[in-house]
Amino acid sequence: MKVYRPQHVLEKYFENFRERSAFIKIQSADYGVVRLGLLNPTLSLLAEGKSLREIAQAEGKSPKTIRNRFSISEQLGLVQRAKEQFFLTELGNSITETKSTFAGSSLNENQTELLSRFVTENPFYSSITYTILSFVETVFTLSKSNYPVSSNNAKEFFVKSVGKESTWKTPKSRETATYIFSNYACELQLLTKVNNDFYITPKGIQSILLLQLNRSIKLIEQRE
């Protein structure tokens, strides 16, 4: 006699669904770049034709640090990689063309608009775009209970929502990841942080609506 186990059927169903749903398998990761504005000097030097090693020397940073900045830039659609060389994309060129108005290692208004639009319109482009929006969605979700949303509450929910409980295990790793991605969201003006609390901006609300719409479209596509 066969024993019917509904939990087994549902587990198999979800496993098959997950395999066909690319966005569910996106793995969040941080590269130690605490602010997007730090990409400015690196991309400016790349626009001048300098190599990774030359950029590292010019900035007084390790090659690993510059490579991490390139990894972030690649996931934001700013650079492309060909073997061990990096090149600016059309978006990357647009970002660096505003270098005359750079405020050190901070994003200016034009850069913020370009990057926030790219992230909002391409939520599943990379782990970085998706994780930035996941943090915004964390604040949006928790705001239903308490608003503004405290950093501590956001941290715990965020780590769970991106499936990183088993890899961001230590308090320090969770704190670092929360710090980095909340910084990105604030730099793109999707969130604002006052003291230790997060507020979602009108632009942040729009980004979540588009994220949920795109997620629904992806789910419908997987059922066809």
N, C-alpha and C. Protein backbone atom coordinates (compact mmCIF):
# COMPACT_ATOMS: atom_id res chain seq x y z
N MET A 1 0.85 -1.19 0.00
CA MET A 1 0.00 0.00 0.00
C MET A 1 0.88 1.25 0.00
N LYS A 2 0.57 2.18 -0.90
CA LYS A 2 1.32 3.43 -0.96
C LYS A 2 0.70 4.45 -0.01
N VAL A 3 1.58 5.16 0.67
CA VAL A 3 1.12 6.19 1.60
C VAL A 3 1.23 7.55 0.91
N TYR A 4 0.12 8.25 0.87
CA TYR A 4 0.11 9.58 0.24
C TYR A 4 0.62 10.62 1.24
N ARG A 5 1.67 11.31 0.85
CA ARG A 5 2.23 12.35 1.70
C ARG A 5 2.13 13.68 0.98
N PRO A 6 1.14 14.51 1.30
CA PRO A 6 0.96 15.80 0.62
C PRO A 6 2.18 16.70 0.73
N GLN A 7 2.89 16.62 1.86
CA GLN A 7 4.07 17.47 2.02
C GLN A 7 5.15 17.10 1.01
N HIS A 8 5.24 15.80 0.69
CA HIS A 8 6.22 15.35 -0.30
C HIS A 8 5.88 15.90 -1.69
N VAL A 9 4.61 15.87 -2.03
CA VAL A 9 4.15 16.39 -3.33
C VAL A 9 4.43 17.88 -3.43
N LEU A 10 4.12 18.59 -2.35
CA LEU A 10 4.33 20.04 -2.36
C LEU A 10 5.80 20.41 -2.40
N GLU A 11 6.63 19.63 -1.73
CA GLU A 11 8.07 19.86 -1.77
C GLU A 11 8.61 19.68 -3.18
N LYS A 12 8.18 18.62 -3.85
CA LYS A 12 8.61 18.35 -5.22
C LYS A 12 8.13 19.45 -6.17
N TYR A 13 6.90 19.88 -5.95
CA TYR A 13 6.35 20.94 -6.79
C TYR A 13 7.19 22.20 -6.67
N PHE A 14 7.53 22.57 -5.43
CA PHE A 14 8.31 23.79 -5.23
C PHE A 14 9.72 23.65 -5.79
N GLU A 15 10.33 22.49 -5.64
CA GLU A 15 11.67 22.27 -6.19
C GLU A 15 11.67 22.45 -7.71
N ASN A 16 10.66 21.90 -8.38
CA ASN A 16 10.56 22.06 -9.83
C ASN A 16 10.30 23.51 -10.21
N PHE A 17 9.45 24.17 -9.42
CA PHE A 17 9.14 25.57 -9.67
C PHE A 17 10.39 26.43 -9.50
N ARG A 18 11.15 26.17 -8.44
CA ARG A 18 12.35 26.96 -8.18
C ARG A 18 13.38 26.80 -9.29
N GLU A 19 13.50 25.60 -9.81
CA GLU A 19 14.46 25.35 -10.89
C GLU A 19 14.13 26.14 -12.14
N ARG A 20 12.86 26.42 -12.36
CA ARG A 20 12.44 27.16 -13.56
C ARG A 20 12.30 28.65 -13.32
N SER A 21 12.48 29.08 -12.07
CA SER A 21 12.31 30.49 -11.73
C SER A 21 13.66 31.11 -11.39
N ALA A 22 14.23 31.78 -12.36
CA ALA A 22 15.60 32.29 -12.22
C ALA A 22 15.74 33.27 -11.06
N PHE A 23 14.75 34.14 -10.85
CA PHE A 23 14.92 35.17 -9.83
C PHE A 23 14.93 34.60 -8.41
N ILE A 24 14.29 33.43 -8.21
CA ILE A 24 14.30 32.81 -6.89
C ILE A 24 15.71 32.31 -6.55
N LYS A 25 16.49 31.99 -7.57
CA LYS A 25 17.83 31.43 -7.34
C LYS A 25 18.92 32.49 -7.26
N ILE A 26 18.54 33.78 -7.36
CA ILE A 26 19.53 34.84 -7.25
C ILE A 26 20.16 34.80 -5.86
N GLN A 27 21.49 34.77 -5.82
CA GLN A 27 22.22 34.71 -4.57
C GLN A 27 22.81 36.07 -4.23
N SER A 28 22.34 36.66 -3.16
CA SER A 28 22.85 37.97 -2.74
C SER A 28 24.28 37.85 -2.24
N ALA A 29 25.06 38.90 -2.48
CA ALA A 29 26.44 38.93 -2.00
C ALA A 29 26.89 40.38 -1.89
N ASP A 30 27.75 40.65 -0.93
CA ASP A 30 28.34 41.98 -0.86
C ASP A 30 29.82 41.87 -1.18
N TYR A 31 30.37 42.96 -1.71
CA TYR A 31 31.77 42.96 -2.15
C TYR A 31 32.62 43.92 -1.33
N GLY A 32 32.10 44.35 -0.21
CA GLY A 32 32.88 45.22 0.66
C GLY A 32 32.94 46.66 0.21
N VAL A 33 32.21 47.02 -0.83
CA VAL A 33 32.15 48.40 -1.30
C VAL A 33 31.00 49.07 -0.58
N VAL A 34 31.30 49.94 0.36
CA VAL A 34 30.27 50.42 1.28
C VAL A 34 29.37 51.49 0.68
N ARG A 35 29.82 52.17 -0.38
CA ARG A 35 28.98 53.18 -1.02
C ARG A 35 29.18 53.15 -2.53
N LEU A 36 28.11 53.39 -3.27
CA LEU A 36 28.20 53.42 -4.73
C LEU A 36 29.03 54.59 -5.21
N GLY A 37 29.04 55.66 -4.44
CA GLY A 37 29.83 56.83 -4.83
C GLY A 37 31.32 56.53 -4.96
N LEU A 38 31.79 55.47 -4.29
CA LEU A 38 33.20 55.09 -4.38
C LEU A 38 33.58 54.59 -5.77
N LEU A 39 32.56 54.29 -6.59
CA LEU A 39 32.84 53.85 -7.96
C LEU A 39 33.28 55.01 -8.84
N ASN A 40 32.95 56.23 -8.43
CA ASN A 40 33.23 57.41 -9.26
C ASN A 40 34.69 57.54 -9.70
N PRO A 41 35.63 57.62 -8.76
CA PRO A 41 37.03 57.79 -9.18
C PRO A 41 37.55 56.61 -10.00
N THR A 42 37.09 55.41 -9.66
CA THR A 42 37.53 54.21 -10.39
C THR A 42 37.04 54.24 -11.84
N LEU A 43 35.78 54.58 -12.04
CA LEU A 43 35.23 54.63 -13.39
C LEU A 43 35.83 55.78 -14.19
N SER A 44 36.15 56.88 -13.52
CA SER A 44 36.78 58.00 -14.20
C SER A 44 38.15 57.60 -14.75
N LEU A 45 38.90 56.88 -13.95
CA LEU A 45 40.22 56.42 -14.39
C LEU A 45 40.10 55.37 -15.48
N LEU A 46 39.08 54.53 -15.40
CA LEU A 46 38.84 53.55 -16.46
C LEU A 46 38.51 54.26 -17.77
N ALA A 47 37.75 55.35 -17.69
CA ALA A 47 37.40 56.12 -18.88
C ALA A 47 38.63 56.73 -19.54
N GLU A 48 39.68 56.94 -18.75
CA GLU A 48 40.94 57.48 -19.28
C GLU A 48 41.82 56.40 -19.90
N GLY A 49 41.33 55.15 -19.86
CA GLY A 49 42.06 54.06 -20.49
C GLY A 49 43.04 53.35 -19.58
N LYS A 50 42.97 53.61 -18.28
CA LYS A 50 43.92 52.99 -17.35
C LYS A 50 43.49 51.55 -17.03
N SER A 51 44.47 50.71 -16.77
CA SER A 51 44.21 49.31 -16.43
C SER A 51 43.86 49.19 -14.96
N LEU A 52 43.43 48.00 -14.57
CA LEU A 52 43.08 47.75 -13.17
C LEU A 52 44.26 48.05 -12.26
N ARG A 53 45.42 47.57 -12.61
CA ARG A 53 46.60 47.80 -11.77
C ARG A 53 46.97 49.28 -11.71
N GLU A 54 46.85 49.98 -12.83
CA GLU A 54 47.16 51.42 -12.86
C GLU A 54 46.16 52.20 -12.01
N ILE A 55 44.91 51.78 -12.05
CA ILE A 55 43.88 52.44 -11.23
C ILE A 55 44.17 52.22 -9.75
N ALA A 56 44.55 51.00 -9.42
CA ALA A 56 44.88 50.68 -8.02
C ALA A 56 46.02 51.56 -7.52
N GLN A 57 47.03 51.73 -8.35
CA GLN A 57 48.17 52.57 -7.99
C GLN A 57 47.75 54.03 -7.84
N ALA A 58 46.94 54.51 -8.79
CA ALA A 58 46.52 55.91 -8.77
C ALA A 58 45.66 56.23 -7.54
N GLU A 59 44.85 55.26 -7.13
CA GLU A 59 43.96 55.48 -5.99
C GLU A 59 44.58 55.06 -4.66
N GLY A 60 45.73 54.40 -4.73
CA GLY A 60 46.35 53.92 -3.50
C GLY A 60 45.57 52.80 -2.85
N LYS A 61 44.92 51.97 -3.69
CA LYS A 61 44.14 50.85 -3.20
C LYS A 61 44.73 49.54 -3.70
N SER A 62 44.31 48.44 -3.09
CA SER A 62 44.78 47.13 -3.54
C SER A 62 44.05 46.75 -4.81
N PRO A 63 44.67 45.93 -5.67
CA PRO A 63 43.97 45.43 -6.87
C PRO A 63 42.66 44.73 -6.52
N LYS A 64 42.62 44.05 -5.38
CA LYS A 64 41.39 43.37 -4.97
C LYS A 64 40.25 44.36 -4.74
N THR A 65 40.56 45.49 -4.11
CA THR A 65 39.55 46.52 -3.87
C THR A 65 39.00 47.04 -5.18
N ILE A 66 39.88 47.31 -6.14
CA ILE A 66 39.44 47.82 -7.44
C ILE A 66 38.66 46.76 -8.19
N ARG A 67 39.08 45.51 -8.09
CA ARG A 67 38.36 44.43 -8.75
C ARG A 67 36.94 44.31 -8.17
N ASN A 68 36.80 44.49 -6.86
CA ASN A 68 35.48 44.45 -6.24
C ASN A 68 34.61 45.60 -6.75
N ARG A 69 35.22 46.76 -6.93
CA ARG A 69 34.46 47.89 -7.48
C ARG A 69 34.02 47.60 -8.91
N PHE A 70 34.87 46.94 -9.67
CA PHE A 70 34.49 46.56 -11.03
C PHE A 70 33.36 45.53 -11.01
N SER A 71 33.40 44.62 -10.04
CA SER A 71 32.35 43.61 -9.93
C SER A 71 31.00 44.27 -9.67
N ILE A 72 30.98 45.26 -8.76
CA ILE A 72 29.76 46.01 -8.49
C ILE A 72 29.32 46.75 -9.74
N SER A 73 30.27 47.40 -10.41
CA SER A 73 29.96 48.17 -11.62
C SER A 73 29.39 47.28 -12.71
N GLU A 74 29.93 46.08 -12.83
CA GLU A 74 29.44 45.14 -13.83
C GLU A 74 27.99 44.75 -13.53
N GLN A 75 27.68 44.55 -12.26
CA GLN A 75 26.33 44.15 -11.88
C GLN A 75 25.33 45.30 -11.96
N LEU A 76 25.84 46.51 -12.09
CA LEU A 76 24.98 47.67 -12.25
C LEU A 76 24.93 48.13 -13.71
N GLY A 77 25.51 47.31 -14.60
CA GLY A 77 25.46 47.62 -16.02
C GLY A 77 26.37 48.76 -16.44
N LEU A 78 27.40 49.05 -15.64
CA LEU A 78 28.30 50.17 -15.93
C LEU A 78 29.54 49.75 -16.69
N VAL A 79 29.97 48.52 -16.51
CA VAL A 79 31.15 48.02 -17.22
C VAL A 79 30.88 46.63 -17.77
N GLN A 80 31.68 46.25 -18.75
CA GLN A 80 31.67 44.89 -19.29
C GLN A 80 33.06 44.32 -19.16
N ARG A 81 33.12 43.01 -19.06
CA ARG A 81 34.40 42.34 -18.88
C ARG A 81 34.72 41.52 -20.12
N ALA A 82 35.96 41.60 -20.56
CA ALA A 82 36.46 40.76 -21.64
C ALA A 82 37.76 40.15 -21.15
N LYS A 83 37.68 38.88 -20.74
CA LYS A 83 38.80 38.22 -20.08
C LYS A 83 39.16 39.01 -18.82
N GLU A 84 40.34 39.60 -18.76
CA GLU A 84 40.74 40.34 -17.58
C GLU A 84 40.70 41.85 -17.79
N GLN A 85 40.06 42.28 -18.86
CA GLN A 85 39.95 43.71 -19.13
C GLN A 85 38.51 44.17 -18.93
N PHE A 86 38.37 45.43 -18.53
CA PHE A 86 37.07 46.01 -18.28
C PHE A 86 36.86 47.22 -19.17
N PHE A 87 35.61 47.38 -19.65
CA PHE A 87 35.28 48.48 -20.54
C PHE A 87 33.96 49.11 -20.08
N LEU A 88 33.86 50.41 -20.24
CA LEU A 88 32.63 51.10 -19.88
C LEU A 88 31.52 50.76 -20.87
N THR A 89 30.31 50.57 -20.36
CA THR A 89 29.14 50.39 -21.21
C THR A 89 28.59 51.77 -21.58
N GLU A 90 27.50 51.78 -22.31
CA GLU A 90 26.86 53.05 -22.66
C GLU A 90 26.40 53.78 -21.38
N LEU A 91 25.82 53.01 -20.45
CA LEU A 91 25.41 53.61 -19.18
C LEU A 91 26.62 54.09 -18.40
N GLY A 92 27.70 53.30 -18.41
CA GLY A 92 28.92 53.70 -17.72
C GLY A 92 29.49 54.99 -18.28
N ASN A 93 29.46 55.12 -19.58
CA ASN A 93 29.92 56.36 -20.21
C ASN A 93 29.06 57.54 -19.79
N SER A 94 27.74 57.31 -19.71
CA SER A 94 26.83 58.38 -19.30
C SER A 94 27.15 58.82 -17.87
N ILE A 95 27.49 57.85 -17.03
CA ILE A 95 27.83 58.17 -15.64
C ILE A 95 29.11 59.00 -15.56
N THR A 96 30.12 58.59 -16.31
CA THR A 96 31.41 59.29 -16.23
C THR A 96 31.40 60.63 -16.96
N GLU A 97 30.48 60.83 -17.86
CA GLU A 97 30.41 62.10 -18.57
C GLU A 97 30.02 63.24 -17.65
N THR A 98 29.51 62.92 -16.49
CA THR A 98 29.13 63.96 -15.53
C THR A 98 30.25 64.21 -14.52
N LYS A 99 31.46 63.74 -14.82
CA LYS A 99 32.54 63.83 -13.84
C LYS A 99 32.92 65.26 -13.48
N SER A 100 32.60 66.24 -14.34
CA SER A 100 32.93 67.63 -14.03
C SER A 100 32.13 68.11 -12.82
N THR A 101 31.02 67.42 -12.53
CA THR A 101 30.21 67.80 -11.38
C THR A 101 30.31 66.78 -10.25
N PHE A 102 31.30 65.89 -10.32
CA PHE A 102 31.50 64.92 -9.23
C PHE A 102 31.74 65.66 -7.91
N ALA A 103 31.16 65.18 -6.88
CA ALA A 103 31.44 65.71 -5.55
C ALA A 103 32.27 64.66 -4.81
N GLY A 104 33.55 64.55 -5.20
CA GLY A 104 34.42 63.56 -4.58
C GLY A 104 33.92 62.16 -4.87
N SER A 105 33.64 61.39 -3.81
CA SER A 105 33.17 60.02 -3.98
C SER A 105 31.69 59.91 -3.67
N SER A 106 30.94 60.94 -4.04
CA SER A 106 29.49 60.92 -3.87
C SER A 106 28.82 60.98 -5.23
N LEU A 107 27.64 60.39 -5.34
CA LEU A 107 26.89 60.46 -6.58
C LEU A 107 26.25 61.84 -6.70
N ASN A 108 26.31 62.41 -7.89
CA ASN A 108 25.61 63.67 -8.09
C ASN A 108 24.18 63.37 -8.53
N GLU A 109 23.40 64.41 -8.74
CA GLU A 109 21.98 64.24 -9.03
C GLU A 109 21.74 63.45 -10.31
N ASN A 110 22.50 63.75 -11.37
CA ASN A 110 22.33 63.04 -12.63
C ASN A 110 22.69 61.57 -12.51
N GLN A 111 23.76 61.28 -11.82
CA GLN A 111 24.18 59.89 -11.63
C GLN A 111 23.16 59.12 -10.80
N THR A 112 22.64 59.75 -9.77
CA THR A 112 21.63 59.11 -8.95
C THR A 112 20.40 58.75 -9.77
N GLU A 113 19.98 59.68 -10.62
CA GLU A 113 18.81 59.43 -11.45
C GLU A 113 19.05 58.29 -12.43
N LEU A 114 20.22 58.28 -13.06
CA LEU A 114 20.54 57.23 -14.03
C LEU A 114 20.59 55.86 -13.37
N LEU A 115 21.27 55.79 -12.23
CA LEU A 115 21.44 54.49 -11.55
C LEU A 115 20.14 54.01 -10.94
N SER A 116 19.39 54.90 -10.31
CA SER A 116 18.13 54.47 -9.68
C SER A 116 17.14 54.00 -10.75
N ARG A 117 17.15 54.65 -11.90
CA ARG A 117 16.26 54.21 -12.98
C ARG A 117 16.66 52.84 -13.48
N PHE A 118 17.97 52.61 -13.63
CA PHE A 118 18.44 51.31 -14.10
C PHE A 118 18.05 50.21 -13.12
N VAL A 119 18.29 50.44 -11.84
CA VAL A 119 17.98 49.43 -10.82
C VAL A 119 16.49 49.15 -10.77
N THR A 120 15.70 50.21 -10.80
CA THR A 120 14.24 50.06 -10.72
C THR A 120 13.68 49.33 -11.92
N GLU A 121 14.20 49.63 -13.10
CA GLU A 121 13.67 49.03 -14.33
C GLU A 121 14.25 47.65 -14.62
N ASN A 122 15.33 47.27 -13.90
CA ASN A 122 15.98 45.98 -14.14
C ASN A 122 16.21 45.24 -12.82
N PRO A 123 15.14 44.92 -12.10
CA PRO A 123 15.31 44.33 -10.76
C PRO A 123 16.03 42.99 -10.74
N PHE A 124 15.93 42.22 -11.83
CA PHE A 124 16.55 40.90 -11.86
C PHE A 124 17.80 40.87 -12.72
N TYR A 125 18.36 42.03 -12.98
CA TYR A 125 19.57 42.11 -13.81
C TYR A 125 20.74 41.39 -13.14
N SER A 126 20.86 41.53 -11.84
CA SER A 126 21.98 40.92 -11.12
C SER A 126 21.62 40.77 -9.64
N SER A 127 22.50 40.14 -8.90
CA SER A 127 22.26 40.00 -7.47
C SER A 127 22.27 41.36 -6.77
N ILE A 128 23.05 42.30 -7.29
CA ILE A 128 23.13 43.62 -6.67
C ILE A 128 21.82 44.39 -6.85
N THR A 129 21.31 44.44 -8.09
CA THR A 129 20.05 45.16 -8.32
C THR A 129 18.92 44.54 -7.50
N TYR A 130 18.85 43.22 -7.47
CA TYR A 130 17.78 42.56 -6.75
C TYR A 130 17.90 42.74 -5.24
N THR A 131 19.13 42.72 -4.73
CA THR A 131 19.32 42.83 -3.28
C THR A 131 19.06 44.26 -2.81
N ILE A 132 19.42 45.25 -3.61
CA ILE A 132 19.09 46.63 -3.26
C ILE A 132 17.58 46.77 -3.10
N LEU A 133 16.85 46.28 -4.09
CA LEU A 133 15.39 46.39 -4.05
C LEU A 133 14.79 45.51 -2.95
N SER A 134 15.45 44.41 -2.64
CA SER A 134 14.99 43.56 -1.54
C SER A 134 15.07 44.30 -0.21
N PHE A 135 16.09 45.14 -0.07
CA PHE A 135 16.18 45.92 1.17
C PHE A 135 15.07 46.96 1.23
N VAL A 136 14.81 47.60 0.10
CA VAL A 136 13.71 48.56 0.05
C VAL A 136 12.38 47.86 0.36
N GLU A 137 12.22 46.66 -0.20
CA GLU A 137 11.00 45.89 0.05
C GLU A 137 10.90 45.49 1.52
N THR A 138 12.02 45.23 2.15
CA THR A 138 12.03 44.94 3.58
C THR A 138 11.41 46.08 4.38
N VAL A 139 11.85 47.30 4.08
CA VAL A 139 11.31 48.47 4.78
C VAL A 139 9.83 48.64 4.48
N PHE A 140 9.47 48.43 3.22
CA PHE A 140 8.06 48.55 2.80
C PHE A 140 7.19 47.55 3.56
N THR A 141 7.65 46.31 3.65
CA THR A 141 6.88 45.26 4.31
C THR A 141 6.75 45.52 5.81
N LEU A 142 7.86 45.87 6.45
CA LEU A 142 7.83 46.09 7.90
C LEU A 142 7.08 47.36 8.27
N SER A 143 6.93 48.28 7.33
CA SER A 143 6.22 49.53 7.62
C SER A 143 4.75 49.28 7.93
N LYS A 144 4.23 48.11 7.56
CA LYS A 144 2.83 47.79 7.84
C LYS A 144 2.59 47.64 9.35
N SER A 145 3.66 47.30 10.08
CA SER A 145 3.53 47.12 11.53
C SER A 145 4.00 48.36 12.29
N ASN A 146 5.19 48.85 11.93
CA ASN A 146 5.75 50.02 12.60
C ASN A 146 6.47 50.90 11.59
N TYR A 147 6.24 52.19 11.70
CA TYR A 147 6.88 53.12 10.77
C TYR A 147 7.29 54.38 11.53
N PRO A 148 8.52 54.85 11.37
CA PRO A 148 9.56 54.30 10.49
C PRO A 148 10.06 52.95 10.97
N VAL A 149 10.90 52.32 10.13
CA VAL A 149 11.41 50.98 10.41
C VAL A 149 12.80 51.08 11.01
N SER A 150 12.99 50.48 12.16
CA SER A 150 14.30 50.54 12.82
C SER A 150 15.32 49.69 12.09
N SER A 151 16.56 50.07 12.21
CA SER A 151 17.65 49.35 11.55
C SER A 151 17.73 47.91 12.03
N ASN A 152 17.53 47.69 13.32
CA ASN A 152 17.62 46.33 13.86
C ASN A 152 16.53 45.42 13.29
N ASN A 153 15.31 45.93 13.22
CA ASN A 153 14.22 45.13 12.66
C ASN A 153 14.46 44.85 11.19
N ALA A 154 14.94 45.85 10.47
CA ALA A 154 15.21 45.68 9.04
C ALA A 154 16.29 44.64 8.81
N LYS A 155 17.31 44.64 9.65
CA LYS A 155 18.44 43.71 9.49
C LYS A 155 17.98 42.27 9.56
N GLU A 156 17.22 41.93 10.57
CA GLU A 156 16.80 40.54 10.75
C GLU A 156 15.89 40.08 9.61
N PHE A 157 14.96 40.92 9.22
CA PHE A 157 14.02 40.55 8.16
C PHE A 157 14.74 40.47 6.82
N PHE A 158 15.63 41.42 6.57
CA PHE A 158 16.36 41.49 5.30
C PHE A 158 17.19 40.23 5.07
N VAL A 159 17.94 39.82 6.07
CA VAL A 159 18.79 38.63 5.95
C VAL A 159 17.95 37.40 5.62
N LYS A 160 16.80 37.28 6.26
CA LYS A 160 15.92 36.14 5.97
C LYS A 160 15.32 36.24 4.58
N SER A 161 14.92 37.44 4.18
CA SER A 161 14.20 37.61 2.91
C SER A 161 15.07 37.29 1.70
N VAL A 162 16.40 37.47 1.83
CA VAL A 162 17.29 37.15 0.71
C VAL A 162 17.94 35.78 0.88
N GLY A 163 17.48 35.03 1.86
CA GLY A 163 17.96 33.65 2.04
C GLY A 163 19.41 33.52 2.43
N LYS A 164 19.90 34.46 3.28
CA LYS A 164 21.32 34.45 3.64
C LYS A 164 21.57 34.09 5.11
N GLU A 165 20.59 33.50 5.77
CA GLU A 165 20.78 33.15 7.18
C GLU A 165 21.96 32.20 7.39
N SER A 166 22.16 31.29 6.44
CA SER A 166 23.21 30.27 6.62
C SER A 166 24.59 30.77 6.19
N THR A 167 24.66 31.88 5.44
CA THR A 167 25.96 32.39 5.01
C THR A 167 26.35 33.68 5.73
N TRP A 168 25.38 34.55 5.98
CA TRP A 168 25.64 35.72 6.82
C TRP A 168 25.30 35.33 8.25
N LYS A 169 26.11 34.48 8.83
CA LYS A 169 25.79 33.87 10.12
C LYS A 169 26.11 34.78 11.30
N THR A 170 27.25 35.44 11.26
CA THR A 170 27.70 36.20 12.42
C THR A 170 27.00 37.56 12.49
N PRO A 171 26.88 38.11 13.69
CA PRO A 171 26.30 39.44 13.82
C PRO A 171 27.03 40.48 12.97
N LYS A 172 28.36 40.34 12.87
CA LYS A 172 29.14 41.30 12.10
C LYS A 172 28.81 41.22 10.62
N SER A 173 28.72 40.01 10.07
CA SER A 173 28.43 39.86 8.64
C SER A 173 27.03 40.38 8.31
N ARG A 174 26.08 40.16 9.21
CA ARG A 174 24.72 40.65 8.99
C ARG A 174 24.67 42.17 9.09
N GLU A 175 25.41 42.71 10.04
CA GLU A 175 25.47 44.16 10.20
C GLU A 175 26.11 44.81 8.98
N THR A 176 27.19 44.19 8.48
CA THR A 176 27.89 44.73 7.31
C THR A 176 27.01 44.72 6.08
N ALA A 177 26.35 43.59 5.83
CA ALA A 177 25.48 43.48 4.65
C ALA A 177 24.34 44.48 4.71
N THR A 178 23.74 44.62 5.88
CA THR A 178 22.65 45.58 6.06
C THR A 178 23.15 46.99 5.84
N TYR A 179 24.30 47.30 6.38
CA TYR A 179 24.90 48.64 6.23
C TYR A 179 25.15 48.96 4.76
N ILE A 180 25.73 48.00 4.04
CA ILE A 180 26.08 48.23 2.64
C ILE A 180 24.84 48.43 1.78
N PHE A 181 23.89 47.52 1.86
CA PHE A 181 22.74 47.61 0.96
C PHE A 181 21.77 48.72 1.35
N SER A 182 21.72 49.07 2.62
CA SER A 182 20.91 50.23 3.01
C SER A 182 21.57 51.50 2.51
N ASN A 183 22.90 51.55 2.52
CA ASN A 183 23.61 52.69 1.94
C ASN A 183 23.28 52.85 0.47
N TYR A 184 23.33 51.74 -0.27
CA TYR A 184 23.03 51.79 -1.71
C TYR A 184 21.61 52.34 -1.93
N ALA A 185 20.66 51.82 -1.17
CA ALA A 185 19.27 52.24 -1.34
C ALA A 185 19.10 53.72 -1.01
N CYS A 186 19.80 54.18 0.00
CA CYS A 186 19.72 55.60 0.37
C CYS A 186 20.42 56.48 -0.68
N GLU A 187 21.55 56.02 -1.20
CA GLU A 187 22.25 56.79 -2.23
C GLU A 187 21.38 56.95 -3.48
N LEU A 188 20.60 55.94 -3.79
CA LEU A 188 19.73 55.99 -4.96
C LEU A 188 18.40 56.68 -4.65
N GLN A 189 18.29 57.21 -3.43
CA GLN A 189 17.11 57.97 -2.98
C GLN A 189 15.84 57.13 -2.98
N LEU A 190 16.01 55.83 -2.73
CA LEU A 190 14.86 54.94 -2.59
C LEU A 190 14.42 54.88 -1.13
N LEU A 191 15.38 55.15 -0.24
CA LEU A 191 15.13 55.22 1.19
C LEU A 191 15.83 56.45 1.76
N THR A 192 15.40 56.84 2.94
CA THR A 192 16.10 57.87 3.71
C THR A 192 16.28 57.34 5.12
N LYS A 193 17.47 57.54 5.68
CA LYS A 193 17.73 57.10 7.05
C LYS A 193 17.88 58.32 7.95
N VAL A 194 17.10 58.36 9.00
CA VAL A 194 17.17 59.43 9.99
C VAL A 194 17.45 58.79 11.34
N ASN A 195 18.57 59.20 11.94
CA ASN A 195 19.04 58.54 13.16
C ASN A 195 19.23 57.06 12.85
N ASN A 196 18.43 56.19 13.42
CA ASN A 196 18.60 54.76 13.17
C ASN A 196 17.35 54.15 12.54
N ASP A 197 16.56 55.01 11.89
CA ASP A 197 15.30 54.57 11.32
C ASP A 197 15.26 54.82 9.81
N PHE A 198 14.56 53.93 9.09
CA PHE A 198 14.43 54.05 7.65
C PHE A 198 13.04 54.53 7.25
N TYR A 199 13.02 55.47 6.31
CA TYR A 199 11.79 55.96 5.70
C TYR A 199 11.85 55.64 4.21
N ILE A 200 10.74 55.22 3.64
CA ILE A 200 10.71 54.92 2.22
C ILE A 200 10.26 56.17 1.46
N THR A 201 10.92 56.49 0.38
CA THR A 201 10.64 57.69 -0.40
C THR A 201 9.59 57.39 -1.48
N PRO A 202 9.02 58.43 -2.10
CA PRO A 202 8.12 58.18 -3.23
C PRO A 202 8.78 57.37 -4.34
N LYS A 203 10.05 57.65 -4.58
CA LYS A 203 10.77 56.89 -5.59
C LYS A 203 10.93 55.43 -5.15
N GLY A 204 11.08 55.22 -3.84
CA GLY A 204 11.18 53.86 -3.32
C GLY A 204 9.88 53.10 -3.46
N ILE A 205 8.76 53.77 -3.21
CA ILE A 205 7.44 53.15 -3.40
C ILE A 205 7.27 52.70 -4.85
N GLN A 206 7.65 53.58 -5.77
CA GLN A 206 7.53 53.25 -7.20
C GLN A 206 8.40 52.04 -7.55
N SER A 207 9.60 51.98 -6.98
CA SER A 207 10.50 50.86 -7.28
C SER A 207 9.92 49.54 -6.80
N ILE A 208 9.22 49.55 -5.65
CA ILE A 208 8.62 48.32 -5.13
C ILE A 208 7.44 47.90 -5.97
N LEU A 209 6.64 48.86 -6.42
CA LEU A 209 5.51 48.52 -7.30
C LEU A 209 6.01 47.87 -8.58
N LEU A 210 7.10 48.40 -9.14
CA LEU A 210 7.67 47.81 -10.36
C LEU A 210 8.30 46.46 -10.08
N LEU A 211 8.93 46.31 -8.91
CA LEU A 211 9.51 45.01 -8.54
C LEU A 211 8.42 43.96 -8.45
N GLN A 212 7.32 44.29 -7.78
CA GLN A 212 6.24 43.32 -7.62
C GLN A 212 5.57 43.00 -8.95
N LEU A 213 5.46 44.01 -9.82
CA LEU A 213 4.90 43.78 -11.15
C LEU A 213 5.79 42.85 -11.95
N ASN A 214 7.09 43.13 -11.96
CA ASN A 214 8.03 42.30 -12.71
C ASN A 214 8.10 40.88 -12.15
N ARG A 215 8.00 40.75 -10.85
CA ARG A 215 8.00 39.43 -10.23
C ARG A 215 6.77 38.64 -10.66
N SER A 216 5.62 39.31 -10.69
CA SER A 216 4.39 38.65 -11.11
C SER A 216 4.47 38.20 -12.56
N ILE A 217 5.05 39.05 -13.41
CA ILE A 217 5.21 38.70 -14.82
C ILE A 217 6.10 37.47 -14.97
N LYS A 218 7.19 37.44 -14.21
CA LYS A 218 8.11 36.29 -14.26
C LYS A 218 7.39 35.01 -13.82
N LEU A 219 6.59 35.11 -12.78
CA LEU A 219 5.89 33.94 -12.28
C LEU A 219 4.88 33.43 -13.30
N ILE A 220 4.20 34.35 -13.95
CA ILE A 220 3.23 33.95 -14.98
C ILE A 220 3.94 33.29 -16.14
N GLU A 221 5.08 33.85 -16.54
CA GLU A 221 5.85 33.27 -17.64
C GLU A 221 6.29 31.84 -17.33
N GLN A 222 6.62 31.58 -16.07
CA GLN A 222 7.09 30.24 -15.70
C GLN A 222 5.97 29.21 -15.75
N ARG A 223 4.73 29.65 -15.66
CA ARG A 223 3.60 28.71 -15.68
C ARG A 223 3.17 28.37 -17.08
N GLU A 224 3.62 29.16 -18.06
CA GLU A 224 3.20 28.92 -19.45
C GLU A 224 3.98 27.78 -20.07
